[in-house]
N, C-alpha and C. Protein backbone atom coordinates (compact mmCIF):
# COMPACT_ATOMS: atom_id res chain seq x y z
N MET A 1 64.98 29.90 51.83
CA MET A 1 65.25 30.73 50.66
C MET A 1 64.93 32.18 51.01
N ALA A 2 65.78 33.10 50.67
CA ALA A 2 65.57 34.51 50.96
C ALA A 2 64.45 35.07 50.08
N ALA A 3 63.69 36.00 50.63
CA ALA A 3 62.61 36.62 49.87
C ALA A 3 63.19 37.51 48.78
N ASN A 4 62.56 37.48 47.62
CA ASN A 4 62.98 38.32 46.50
C ASN A 4 62.23 39.65 46.62
N ARG A 5 62.96 40.73 46.89
CA ARG A 5 62.33 42.04 47.09
C ARG A 5 61.77 42.59 45.79
N ASN A 6 62.10 42.02 44.66
CA ASN A 6 61.60 42.49 43.39
C ASN A 6 60.42 41.66 42.88
N LEU A 7 59.96 40.70 43.69
CA LEU A 7 58.84 39.84 43.28
C LEU A 7 57.60 40.25 44.06
N PHE A 8 56.54 40.61 43.36
CA PHE A 8 55.30 41.05 43.98
C PHE A 8 54.17 40.12 43.58
N PHE A 9 53.26 39.88 44.51
CA PHE A 9 52.05 39.11 44.24
C PHE A 9 50.88 40.08 44.27
N ILE A 10 50.16 40.14 43.18
CA ILE A 10 49.04 41.08 43.05
C ILE A 10 47.78 40.30 42.68
N SER A 11 46.68 40.59 43.36
CA SER A 11 45.40 40.00 42.98
C SER A 11 44.40 41.11 42.74
N PHE A 12 43.44 40.84 41.87
CA PHE A 12 42.43 41.83 41.49
C PHE A 12 41.05 41.25 41.77
N GLN A 13 40.18 42.08 42.32
CA GLN A 13 38.78 41.71 42.47
C GLN A 13 37.98 42.72 41.69
N VAL A 14 37.13 42.22 40.80
CA VAL A 14 36.40 43.08 39.88
C VAL A 14 34.90 42.93 40.12
N ASP A 15 34.23 44.03 40.35
CA ASP A 15 32.79 44.08 40.49
C ASP A 15 32.26 44.93 39.34
N ARG A 16 30.98 45.16 39.29
CA ARG A 16 30.43 45.97 38.20
C ARG A 16 30.92 47.41 38.24
N SER A 17 31.21 47.95 39.41
CA SER A 17 31.66 49.34 39.47
C SER A 17 32.92 49.53 40.34
N ILE A 18 33.54 48.45 40.78
CA ILE A 18 34.72 48.55 41.64
C ILE A 18 35.80 47.60 41.12
N VAL A 19 37.03 48.08 41.09
CA VAL A 19 38.19 47.23 40.82
C VAL A 19 39.12 47.41 42.02
N GLU A 20 39.43 46.30 42.71
CA GLU A 20 40.32 46.35 43.86
C GLU A 20 41.59 45.57 43.54
N SER A 21 42.71 46.16 43.87
CA SER A 21 44.02 45.53 43.64
C SER A 21 44.70 45.36 44.99
N PHE A 22 45.21 44.17 45.25
CA PHE A 22 45.89 43.86 46.51
C PHE A 22 47.30 43.38 46.20
N VAL A 23 48.29 44.02 46.81
CA VAL A 23 49.69 43.66 46.62
C VAL A 23 50.18 42.99 47.90
N GLN A 24 50.91 41.91 47.73
CA GLN A 24 51.51 41.17 48.84
C GLN A 24 50.46 40.80 49.90
N GLY A 25 49.32 40.26 49.46
CA GLY A 25 48.30 39.80 50.38
C GLY A 25 47.58 40.90 51.13
N GLY A 26 47.62 42.12 50.62
CA GLY A 26 46.92 43.23 51.26
C GLY A 26 47.81 44.25 51.93
N ARG A 27 49.13 44.10 51.83
CA ARG A 27 50.03 45.10 52.43
C ARG A 27 49.84 46.45 51.75
N MET A 28 49.44 46.43 50.49
CA MET A 28 49.08 47.64 49.78
C MET A 28 47.81 47.33 49.00
N ALA A 29 46.86 48.24 49.00
CA ALA A 29 45.61 48.02 48.28
C ALA A 29 45.20 49.29 47.56
N ILE A 30 44.62 49.12 46.39
CA ILE A 30 44.10 50.24 45.61
C ILE A 30 42.69 49.88 45.19
N THR A 31 41.77 50.79 45.42
CA THR A 31 40.38 50.60 45.01
C THR A 31 40.02 51.70 44.03
N SER A 32 39.43 51.31 42.91
CA SER A 32 39.00 52.28 41.90
C SER A 32 37.54 52.06 41.58
N ARG A 33 36.81 53.14 41.51
CA ARG A 33 35.40 53.10 41.10
C ARG A 33 35.37 53.31 39.59
N VAL A 34 34.69 52.45 38.88
CA VAL A 34 34.59 52.56 37.43
C VAL A 34 33.11 52.52 37.03
N TYR A 35 32.80 53.17 35.96
CA TYR A 35 31.43 53.21 35.46
C TYR A 35 31.40 52.80 33.99
N PRO A 36 31.52 51.50 33.73
CA PRO A 36 31.55 51.06 32.33
C PRO A 36 30.18 51.18 31.67
N ARG A 37 30.20 51.55 30.41
CA ARG A 37 28.95 51.60 29.65
C ARG A 37 28.75 50.32 28.87
N VAL A 38 29.83 49.82 28.30
CA VAL A 38 29.74 48.62 27.47
C VAL A 38 30.49 47.45 28.08
N ALA A 39 31.53 47.72 28.85
CA ALA A 39 32.41 46.67 29.37
C ALA A 39 31.78 45.98 30.58
N VAL A 40 30.88 45.07 30.32
CA VAL A 40 30.20 44.34 31.39
C VAL A 40 30.39 42.85 31.14
N ASP A 41 30.62 42.11 32.22
CA ASP A 41 30.81 40.66 32.18
C ASP A 41 31.94 40.29 31.24
N ASN A 42 31.69 39.47 30.22
CA ASN A 42 32.75 38.98 29.34
C ASN A 42 33.33 40.05 28.42
N LEU A 43 32.68 41.22 28.34
CA LEU A 43 33.19 42.29 27.49
C LEU A 43 34.19 43.18 28.22
N ALA A 44 34.40 42.95 29.51
CA ALA A 44 35.32 43.78 30.30
C ALA A 44 36.76 43.34 30.10
N ASN A 45 37.67 44.29 30.20
CA ASN A 45 39.11 44.02 30.10
C ASN A 45 39.82 44.67 31.27
N LEU A 46 40.92 44.08 31.68
CA LEU A 46 41.78 44.65 32.72
C LEU A 46 43.16 44.81 32.11
N TYR A 47 43.70 46.02 32.20
CA TYR A 47 45.01 46.31 31.63
C TYR A 47 46.00 46.61 32.74
N LEU A 48 47.19 46.08 32.64
CA LEU A 48 48.27 46.38 33.57
C LEU A 48 49.25 47.31 32.87
N PHE A 49 49.70 48.33 33.59
CA PHE A 49 50.67 49.24 33.01
C PHE A 49 51.66 49.66 34.08
N ASN A 50 52.81 50.10 33.64
CA ASN A 50 53.89 50.49 34.52
C ASN A 50 54.25 51.93 34.22
N ASN A 51 54.02 52.83 35.18
CA ASN A 51 54.39 54.23 35.02
C ASN A 51 55.79 54.53 35.54
N GLY A 52 56.46 53.50 36.03
CA GLY A 52 57.80 53.70 36.60
C GLY A 52 58.88 53.67 35.53
N THR A 53 60.11 53.80 35.99
CA THR A 53 61.26 53.80 35.08
C THR A 53 61.97 52.46 35.04
N THR A 54 61.60 51.55 35.95
CA THR A 54 62.20 50.22 35.98
C THR A 54 61.30 49.23 35.28
N PRO A 55 61.80 48.48 34.31
CA PRO A 55 60.97 47.48 33.63
C PRO A 55 60.49 46.40 34.60
N VAL A 56 59.32 45.89 34.37
CA VAL A 56 58.77 44.80 35.18
C VAL A 56 58.33 43.67 34.25
N THR A 57 58.31 42.47 34.79
CA THR A 57 57.83 41.30 34.07
C THR A 57 56.67 40.71 34.86
N VAL A 58 55.54 40.54 34.21
CA VAL A 58 54.38 39.94 34.86
C VAL A 58 54.40 38.45 34.54
N ARG A 59 54.51 37.62 35.59
CA ARG A 59 54.56 36.17 35.39
C ARG A 59 53.16 35.57 35.28
N SER A 60 52.25 36.07 36.10
CA SER A 60 50.88 35.59 36.04
C SER A 60 49.97 36.61 36.69
N VAL A 61 48.69 36.54 36.39
CA VAL A 61 47.69 37.45 36.94
C VAL A 61 46.51 36.62 37.41
N ASP A 62 46.05 36.88 38.62
CA ASP A 62 44.83 36.27 39.15
C ASP A 62 43.74 37.32 39.21
N VAL A 63 42.62 37.06 38.58
CA VAL A 63 41.48 37.98 38.60
C VAL A 63 40.29 37.22 39.13
N TYR A 64 39.64 37.78 40.14
CA TYR A 64 38.46 37.17 40.75
C TYR A 64 37.25 38.03 40.44
N HIS A 65 36.28 37.46 39.78
CA HIS A 65 35.03 38.16 39.48
C HIS A 65 34.06 37.90 40.62
N MET A 66 33.63 38.97 41.27
CA MET A 66 32.73 38.84 42.40
C MET A 66 31.31 38.57 41.91
N THR A 67 30.61 37.73 42.64
CA THR A 67 29.22 37.43 42.27
C THR A 67 28.30 38.51 42.81
N HIS A 68 27.08 38.49 42.33
CA HIS A 68 26.09 39.48 42.75
C HIS A 68 25.59 39.18 44.16
N VAL A 69 25.30 40.22 44.88
CA VAL A 69 24.75 40.09 46.21
C VAL A 69 23.23 40.12 46.10
N VAL A 70 22.59 39.20 46.78
CA VAL A 70 21.13 39.15 46.80
C VAL A 70 20.66 39.92 48.03
N MET A 71 19.89 40.97 47.82
CA MET A 71 19.39 41.79 48.92
C MET A 71 17.96 41.34 49.26
N HIS A 72 17.73 41.07 50.53
CA HIS A 72 16.40 40.68 51.01
C HIS A 72 15.85 41.81 51.88
N PRO A 73 14.60 42.21 51.68
CA PRO A 73 14.03 43.28 52.53
C PRO A 73 13.94 42.79 53.98
N ILE A 74 14.10 43.71 54.89
CA ILE A 74 14.04 43.38 56.31
C ILE A 74 12.60 43.44 56.79
């Protein structure tokens, strides 16, 4: 089956201060630093928007919440 050039796979990884977006398994990546005051854990929201002129349809979204890292003194 030929690849659909209009079909994109996007995944998001969300940390307390970082949102990372990966398109096509990492062929394109965007990292944003965020500083939420209230939007923590279950109160956080992720919004998708299109600034382009061509309409898009989102079929599904995968969001991975990263766990906390435990730091041990050396």
